[in-house]
Protein backbone atom coordinates (compact mmCIF):
# COMPACT_ATOMS: atom_id res chain seq x y z
CA MET A 1 -1.67 -21.08 14.46
CA ASN A 2 -1.60 -17.37 15.26
CA SER A 3 -1.97 -14.61 12.66
CA ARG A 4 1.75 -13.99 12.35
CA ASP A 5 2.49 -17.63 11.53
CA LEU A 6 -0.49 -17.84 9.18
CA ILE A 7 0.50 -14.85 7.03
CA HIS A 8 4.12 -15.94 6.96
CA GLY A 9 3.00 -19.33 5.68
CA LEU A 10 0.73 -17.84 3.04
CA LEU A 11 3.40 -15.50 1.70
CA THR A 12 6.30 -17.96 1.76
CA LYS A 13 4.61 -21.25 0.78
CA GLY A 14 4.86 -22.48 4.34
CA ARG A 15 2.14 -23.81 6.61
CA TYR A 16 -1.34 -22.29 6.60
CA ASP A 17 -4.78 -23.61 7.46
CA ARG A 18 -7.14 -20.82 6.40
CA VAL A 19 -7.51 -17.77 4.21
CA GLY A 20 -5.95 -14.70 5.81
CA LEU A 21 -7.78 -11.45 6.62
CA TYR A 22 -6.80 -7.81 6.22
CA GLU A 23 -8.32 -4.54 4.96
CA HIS A 24 -7.71 -0.89 4.13
CA PHE A 25 -10.36 1.77 4.89
CA TRP A 26 -11.05 5.30 3.75
CA PRO A 27 -10.16 7.62 6.66
CA GLU A 28 -13.82 8.61 7.12
CA THR A 29 -15.25 5.10 7.02
CA VAL A 30 -14.66 3.75 10.53
CA PRO A 31 -15.50 7.06 12.31
CA GLY A 32 -18.66 7.17 10.18
CA TRP A 33 -19.65 3.76 11.53
CA VAL A 34 -19.79 4.95 15.13
CA PRO A 35 -23.45 6.09 14.85
CA GLN A 36 -24.15 2.66 13.31
CA GLY A 37 -22.85 0.86 16.39
CA TYR A 38 -19.10 0.63 15.92
CA PRO A 39 -17.56 0.55 19.43
CA THR A 40 -15.58 3.43 20.92
CA HIS A 41 -13.32 3.98 23.88
CA THR A 42 -11.93 6.96 25.78
CA VAL A 43 -8.25 7.83 25.43
CA LEU A 44 -6.02 10.68 26.60
CA ARG A 45 -4.80 13.03 23.85
CA ASP A 46 -2.62 15.95 24.96
CA GLY A 47 -4.06 15.70 28.46
CA GLN A 48 -7.66 15.64 27.26
CA GLU A 49 -10.07 12.71 27.27
CA VAL A 50 -11.16 11.91 23.72
CA VAL A 51 -13.74 9.37 22.58
CA GLU A 52 -12.65 7.56 19.43
CA PRO A 53 -13.33 4.29 17.57
CA VAL A 54 -11.55 1.22 18.92
CA ASP A 55 -8.67 -0.11 16.84
CA PHE A 56 -10.10 -1.90 13.80
CA HIS A 57 -7.28 -4.46 13.74
CA ASP A 58 -8.43 -5.74 17.13
CA HIS A 59 -12.14 -5.27 16.51
CA PHE A 60 -12.27 -7.23 13.27
CA GLY A 61 -9.52 -9.70 14.11
CA PHE A 62 -7.20 -8.79 11.24
CA ASP A 63 -4.10 -10.89 10.71
CA MET A 64 -1.88 -8.00 9.59
CA ASP A 65 -0.85 -4.59 10.93
CA ARG A 66 1.22 -1.83 9.38
CA CYS A 67 3.59 0.99 10.12
CA TRP A 68 3.02 3.41 7.25
CA GLY A 69 5.85 5.58 5.88
CA PRO A 70 8.45 5.09 8.64
CA PHE A 71 10.79 7.63 7.02
CA GLU A 72 10.48 10.82 4.96
CA THR A 73 11.33 10.69 1.27
CA VAL A 74 11.02 14.31 0.08
CA PRO A 75 14.45 15.67 -0.77
CA ILE A 76 14.22 18.88 1.29
CA ARG A 77 12.79 18.16 4.72
CA GLY A 78 10.58 20.58 6.61
CA GLN A 79 9.59 22.56 3.53
CA ARG A 80 5.89 23.30 3.29
CA GLU A 81 4.88 26.52 1.59
CA VAL A 82 1.18 27.47 1.54
CA LEU A 83 0.43 28.88 -1.89
CA ASP A 84 -3.34 29.40 -1.58
CA GLU A 85 -6.11 28.43 0.82
CA SER A 86 -9.87 28.49 1.31
CA ASP A 87 -12.30 27.08 3.84
CA GLU A 88 -12.48 23.88 1.78
CA TRP A 89 -8.94 23.30 0.49
CA VAL A 90 -5.29 24.29 0.76
CA ILE A 91 -2.55 24.33 -1.87
CA THR A 92 0.95 23.65 -0.57
CA ARG A 93 4.37 23.11 -2.12
CA ASP A 94 6.47 20.37 -0.55
CA GLY A 95 10.17 19.54 -0.30
CA ALA A 96 10.17 17.93 -3.74
CA GLY A 97 8.94 21.17 -5.30
CA ALA A 98 5.49 19.71 -5.93
CA ALA A 99 2.31 21.73 -5.33
CA PHE A 100 -0.90 19.88 -4.50
CA LYS A 101 -4.43 20.96 -3.70
CA ARG A 102 -5.81 18.95 -0.78
CA TRP A 103 -9.26 18.96 0.75
CA LYS A 104 -9.61 19.93 4.40
CA HIS A 105 -12.79 18.12 5.39
CA HIS A 106 -12.62 14.87 3.45
CA SER A 107 -9.98 12.57 2.01
CA GLY A 108 -9.32 11.90 -1.64
CA PRO A 109 -6.53 12.11 -4.20
CA PRO A 110 -4.91 15.56 -4.21
CA GLU A 111 -5.16 17.71 -7.31
CA HIS A 112 -1.85 18.20 -9.14
CA VAL A 113 -1.11 21.92 -9.45
CA ASP A 114 2.56 22.50 -10.27
CA PHE A 115 5.91 20.71 -10.25
CA ALA A 116 9.22 22.53 -9.94
CA MET A 117 11.26 19.37 -10.63
CA SER A 118 10.65 19.68 -14.36
CA SER A 119 14.05 18.69 -15.77
CA ARG A 120 17.13 16.64 -14.99
CA ALA A 121 19.11 19.87 -14.55
CA ILE A 122 16.73 21.05 -11.81
CA TRP A 123 16.78 17.59 -10.19
CA GLU A 124 20.58 17.64 -10.11
CA ARG A 125 20.86 21.27 -9.01
CA ASP A 126 18.18 21.46 -6.29
CA TYR A 127 17.17 18.03 -5.06
CA ARG A 128 19.47 15.10 -5.80
CA SER A 129 22.17 15.91 -3.25
CA HIS A 130 19.67 15.84 -0.36
CA LEU A 131 19.06 12.13 -0.90
CA LEU A 132 22.59 10.76 -1.16
CA ASP A 133 23.45 10.30 2.52
CA LEU A 134 21.79 8.43 5.36
CA ASP A 135 19.86 10.86 7.56
CA PRO A 136 18.59 9.09 10.71
CA THR A 137 16.49 12.14 11.62
CA ARG A 138 14.21 11.23 8.71
CA ILE A 139 13.22 7.97 10.44
CA ASP A 140 10.34 7.72 12.89
CA PHE A 141 11.93 5.09 15.13
CA GLU A 142 9.39 5.55 17.91
CA ARG A 143 6.33 4.93 15.75
CA ALA A 144 7.93 1.88 14.14
CA ARG A 145 8.84 0.49 17.56
CA ASP A 146 5.34 1.12 18.94
CA THR A 147 3.72 -0.58 15.93
CA LEU A 148 5.97 -3.61 16.22
CA THR A 149 5.29 -3.91 19.95
CA ARG A 150 1.51 -3.60 19.55
CA ALA A 151 1.26 -6.02 16.65
CA ARG A 152 3.55 -8.61 18.20
CA ALA A 153 1.56 -8.53 21.44
CA ALA A 154 -1.57 -9.29 19.41
CA GLY A 155 0.13 -12.03 17.39
CA ARG A 156 -0.31 -10.13 14.12
CA TRP A 157 2.01 -10.09 11.11
CA VAL A 158 3.41 -6.54 10.97
CA PHE A 159 4.84 -4.76 7.94
CA TYR A 160 6.44 -1.47 7.04
CA GLY A 161 4.61 0.16 4.14
CA HIS A 162 6.00 2.78 1.79
CA LEU A 163 5.70 4.31 -1.66
CA PHE A 164 8.67 3.50 -3.87
CA ALA A 165 10.39 4.98 -6.92
CA TRP A 166 7.52 5.06 -9.44
CA GLU A 167 5.03 6.64 -7.05
CA ILE A 168 7.65 9.04 -5.68
CA ALA A 169 8.49 10.09 -9.24
CA ARG A 170 4.81 10.70 -10.02
CA GLN A 171 4.50 12.86 -6.92
CA SER A 172 7.76 14.72 -7.59
CA LEU A 173 7.69 15.29 -11.35
CA GLY A 174 3.95 15.10 -11.98
CA ASP A 175 2.35 12.60 -14.32
CA ILE A 176 2.80 14.45 -17.59
CA ASN A 177 6.44 15.34 -17.03
CA LEU A 178 7.22 11.81 -15.84
CA TYR A 179 5.59 10.12 -18.82
CA GLN A 180 7.30 12.45 -21.28
CA SER A 181 10.65 11.93 -19.59
CA LEU A 182 10.35 8.16 -19.93
CA VAL A 183 10.79 8.82 -23.67
CA THR A 184 12.77 12.06 -23.90
CA ASP A 185 15.23 11.56 -21.03
CA PRO A 186 15.21 7.96 -19.77
CA ASP A 187 18.67 8.42 -18.26
CA TRP A 188 17.16 10.93 -15.82
CA ILE A 189 14.54 8.39 -14.73
CA LEU A 190 17.26 5.75 -14.33
CA ASP A 191 19.26 8.13 -12.15
CA PHE A 192 16.19 9.11 -10.12
CA ASN A 193 15.41 5.45 -9.46
CA ARG A 194 19.07 4.68 -8.68
CA VAL A 195 19.23 7.43 -6.08
CA TYR A 196 15.97 6.41 -4.41
CA THR A 197 16.85 2.71 -4.39
CA ASP A 198 20.09 3.46 -2.55
CA PHE A 199 18.22 5.86 -0.27
CA PHE A 200 15.63 3.21 0.63
CA LYS A 201 18.23 0.55 1.32
CA ALA A 202 20.23 2.84 3.61
CA HIS A 203 17.24 4.06 5.60
CA PHE A 204 15.55 0.67 5.91
CA ARG A 205 18.84 -0.84 7.07
CA ALA A 206 19.17 1.85 9.74
CA LEU A 207 15.56 1.28 10.81
CA PHE A 208 16.07 -2.49 11.07
CA GLU A 209 19.25 -2.07 13.10
CA ALA A 210 17.67 0.37 15.55
CA VAL A 211 14.19 -1.12 15.98
CA GLY A 212 14.35 -4.69 14.73
CA LEU A 213 12.86 -6.50 11.79
CA PRO A 214 9.18 -6.39 10.90
CA ASP A 215 7.57 -9.51 9.42
CA GLY A 216 7.49 -8.11 5.90
CA ILE A 217 7.38 -5.10 3.58
CA TRP A 218 4.56 -3.60 1.53
CA LEU A 219 5.50 -1.37 -1.42
CA TYR A 220 2.83 0.89 -2.93
CA GLU A 221 3.39 1.51 -6.65
CA ASP A 222 0.35 2.41 -8.78
CA LEU A 223 1.53 1.09 -12.15
CA ALA A 224 -1.79 1.13 -13.96
CA PHE A 225 -5.21 2.69 -14.46
CA ARG A 226 -8.43 1.38 -15.95
CA GLY A 227 -7.64 -1.28 -18.51
CA ARG A 228 -3.91 -0.69 -18.98
CA LEU A 229 -0.51 0.27 -17.58
CA PHE A 230 0.79 3.83 -17.36
CA ALA A 231 3.78 2.75 -19.44
CA SER A 232 4.51 -0.23 -21.66
CA PRO A 233 5.83 -3.44 -20.12
CA ARG A 234 9.03 -2.85 -22.11
CA THR A 235 9.50 0.62 -20.58
CA PHE A 236 8.75 -0.59 -17.07
CA GLY A 237 11.06 -3.55 -17.64
CA LYS A 238 13.95 -1.28 -18.62
CA LEU A 239 13.50 1.73 -16.32
CA LEU A 240 11.81 0.39 -13.17
CA LEU A 241 12.05 -3.40 -12.88
CA PRO A 242 15.79 -3.58 -12.11
CA PHE A 243 15.34 -1.29 -9.12
CA GLU A 244 12.22 -3.08 -7.88
CA ALA A 245 14.09 -6.38 -8.14
CA GLU A 246 17.13 -4.98 -6.33
CA LEU A 247 15.05 -3.70 -3.45
CA VAL A 248 13.06 -6.93 -3.18
CA GLU A 249 16.33 -8.88 -3.09
CA PHE A 250 17.56 -6.53 -0.35
CA PHE A 251 14.50 -7.30 1.79
CA HIS A 252 14.73 -11.00 1.03
CA GLY A 253 18.26 -10.83 2.41
CA PHE A 254 16.67 -10.07 5.79
CA GLY A 255 14.16 -12.90 5.35
CA LEU A 256 11.29 -10.47 4.69
CA PRO A 257 8.57 -11.23 2.12
CA VAL A 258 7.45 -8.28 0.01
CA VAL A 259 3.91 -7.36 -1.09
CA LEU A 260 3.31 -5.14 -4.13
CA HIS A 261 0.30 -2.82 -4.14
CA SER A 262 -0.77 -1.45 -7.49
CA CYS A 263 -4.12 0.06 -8.38
CA GLY A 264 -5.42 -0.32 -11.91
CA CYS A 265 -5.29 -3.21 -14.34
CA VAL A 266 -1.92 -4.87 -13.75
CA THR A 267 -2.43 -7.88 -16.02
CA GLN A 268 0.35 -6.89 -18.46
CA ALA A 269 2.73 -6.22 -15.56
CA LEU A 270 2.37 -9.62 -13.87
CA PRO A 271 5.39 -11.20 -15.60
CA LEU A 272 7.45 -8.23 -14.38
CA VAL A 273 6.05 -8.55 -10.86
CA VAL A 274 7.03 -12.20 -10.78
CA GLU A 275 10.45 -11.51 -12.32
CA ALA A 276 11.15 -8.85 -9.70
CA GLY A 277 10.60 -11.46 -6.98
CA PHE A 278 7.56 -10.01 -5.22
CA ASP A 279 5.84 -12.50 -2.94
CA ALA A 280 2.27 -11.20 -3.14
CA LEU A 281 0.03 -8.90 -5.17
CA GLN A 282 -2.65 -6.52 -3.87
CA PRO A 283 -5.44 -5.36 -4.43
CA MET A 284 -6.47 -6.68 -7.91
CA GLU A 285 -8.97 -3.96 -8.76
CA ILE A 286 -11.98 -5.50 -10.51
CA LYS A 287 -13.47 -2.33 -11.98
CA ALA A 288 -10.10 -1.57 -13.59
CA GLY A 289 -10.02 -4.95 -15.34
CA CYS A 290 -8.22 -7.32 -12.96
CA ASP A 291 -9.27 -10.97 -12.69
CA PRO A 292 -8.07 -12.58 -9.43
CA LEU A 293 -9.10 -16.09 -10.42
CA ALA A 294 -7.28 -15.86 -13.75
CA TYR A 295 -4.20 -14.49 -11.97
CA ALA A 296 -4.31 -17.34 -9.47
CA GLN A 297 -4.72 -19.89 -12.24
CA GLN A 298 -1.52 -18.70 -13.91
CA TYR A 299 0.67 -17.51 -11.04
CA ARG A 300 -0.38 -19.37 -7.89
CA ASP A 301 2.99 -21.11 -7.68
CA ARG A 302 4.82 -17.76 -7.67
CA LEU A 303 2.53 -15.27 -5.89
CA ALA A 304 0.14 -15.01 -2.99
CA PHE A 305 -2.92 -12.82 -3.58
CA ILE A 306 -4.50 -10.15 -1.39
CA GLY A 307 -7.80 -8.54 -2.36
CA GLY A 308 -10.04 -8.97 -5.34
CA LEU A 309 -13.44 -8.48 -3.66
CA ASP A 310 -15.24 -5.95 -5.86
CA ILE A 311 -16.04 -3.03 -3.54
CA ARG A 312 -19.23 -2.44 -5.51
CA ILE A 313 -20.55 -5.72 -4.10
CA LEU A 314 -20.19 -4.41 -0.56
CA GLU A 315 -21.60 -1.03 -1.55
CA THR A 316 -24.90 -2.65 -2.51
CA ASN A 317 -25.43 -3.36 1.21
CA ASP A 318 -27.49 -6.31 0.01
CA ARG A 319 -26.83 -9.46 2.02
CA GLU A 320 -27.63 -11.85 -0.79
CA VAL A 321 -25.29 -10.05 -3.18
CA ILE A 322 -22.56 -9.88 -0.53
CA ARG A 323 -22.88 -13.57 0.34
CA GLN A 324 -22.60 -14.58 -3.30
CA GLY A 325 -19.64 -12.30 -4.01
CA VAL A 326 -17.63 -13.29 -0.93
CA THR A 327 -18.35 -17.00 -1.35
CA ASP A 328 -17.47 -17.04 -5.05
CA LEU A 329 -14.15 -15.29 -4.44
CA VAL A 330 -12.98 -17.20 -1.37
CA LYS A 331 -14.05 -20.63 -2.59
CA GLY A 332 -12.78 -19.89 -6.09
CA MET A 333 -9.30 -19.01 -4.81
CA LYS A 334 -9.24 -22.08 -2.58
CA THR A 335 -10.33 -24.35 -5.43
CA LEU A 336 -7.34 -23.11 -7.38
CA ASP A 337 -5.12 -23.80 -4.34
CA ALA A 338 -4.13 -20.14 -4.31
CA ARG A 339 -2.54 -18.62 -1.22
CA PHE A 340 -5.13 -15.96 -0.46
CA ILE A 341 -5.77 -13.12 1.99
CA PHE A 342 -9.33 -11.80 1.99
CA HIS A 343 -9.50 -8.06 1.25
CA SER A 344 -11.48 -5.68 -0.93
CA ASP A 345 -10.18 -4.73 -4.37
CA HIS A 346 -9.01 -1.40 -2.96
CA SER A 347 -10.41 -0.18 0.36
CA ILE A 348 -13.71 0.11 2.23
CA THR A 349 -15.59 3.26 1.28
CA THR A 350 -18.15 5.26 3.23
CA ALA A 351 -20.89 3.74 1.03
CA VAL A 352 -20.44 0.41 2.87
CA THR A 353 -22.40 0.14 6.13
CA TYR A 354 -20.92 -1.30 9.30
CA ASP A 355 -23.49 -4.09 9.24
CA SER A 356 -22.62 -4.99 5.64
CA TYR A 357 -18.92 -5.20 6.34
CA ARG A 358 -19.47 -7.36 9.42
CA TYR A 359 -21.73 -9.61 7.38
CA ALA A 360 -19.06 -9.97 4.68
CA LEU A 361 -16.59 -11.08 7.36
CA SER A 362 -19.08 -13.59 8.75
CA VAL A 363 -19.43 -15.14 5.28
CA TYR A 364 -15.65 -15.16 4.86
CA ARG A 365 -15.28 -17.02 8.16
CA GLU A 366 -17.79 -19.65 7.06
CA CYS A 367 -15.56 -20.63 4.14
CA MET A 368 -12.06 -19.54 5.20
CA ALA A 369 -10.66 -22.99 6.08
CA TYR A 370 -8.46 -24.70 3.48
């Protein structure tokens, strides 16, 4: 059974014979492993030979591959105004009217600075109309095609990944304005989500018709933080769930399973996740309060699970601690007969050594068979 068949089976209650394998990394992590022995190769970039790390999907034998953000979602394309800059950071305003401070020499969440989309009137006057029609020039057909070709040649399960309405709203309105508007102007949020749901369906349909179908979809929607949701289950159920469910149904119409990513403690949202029809949940962040084994106990007949390995275990770089943590998680999920894909509870940080991560994978492979 190749990786593509395995992941399809895990996500759709089909055939599978082992726990799947995938991972996200901080951008600096894999390059930082090169001095620790991570292999490199020489490639041509703009006519110049460049030494860079080999592809981690191939190197680690991952079962999944992704094409991230295959189309642009900001209302006004090509708009990037530099507001301020130093040697360490730059503040820019984007085509949604949002200004962010981003670091130049390391990754990390951008600092929220200012949001022009501060009312429904401004949304309707300046931004809404830019999202109503299909615009094929927004779609990166070439990158999607290249990703599909590469992943299929390797036998991997390939997905298109994108932020959806909640995350786009957070990045367009800003957190405070969004949370206030959930109460003071819910009709605006309903309209925002309606417009973006139609926008996503039109652009994904165009992408599918031009390039072909991936194996699945991964939607990134951070619904929670440490210990709780950003909004009540009732609010999410009224203002967001119908659109999530509609988009999931749209993808299911093409035979594509859908994974939901949400950071934070999503326990209260799980009934909504199931009701919306999502096929899998990722990453089940331990330090935020998630409990993968409890989730599997309750929802294993409705969801597959991706993640749940506390990154702090790997960051100890202690082989005994890593062995115990990996074994407990993998065997625990198998004992519950959960459909499981091994992954950290967020992504691999620079505090994890190359040797530690390889050791974690060796332990996973010892106990991956169902």
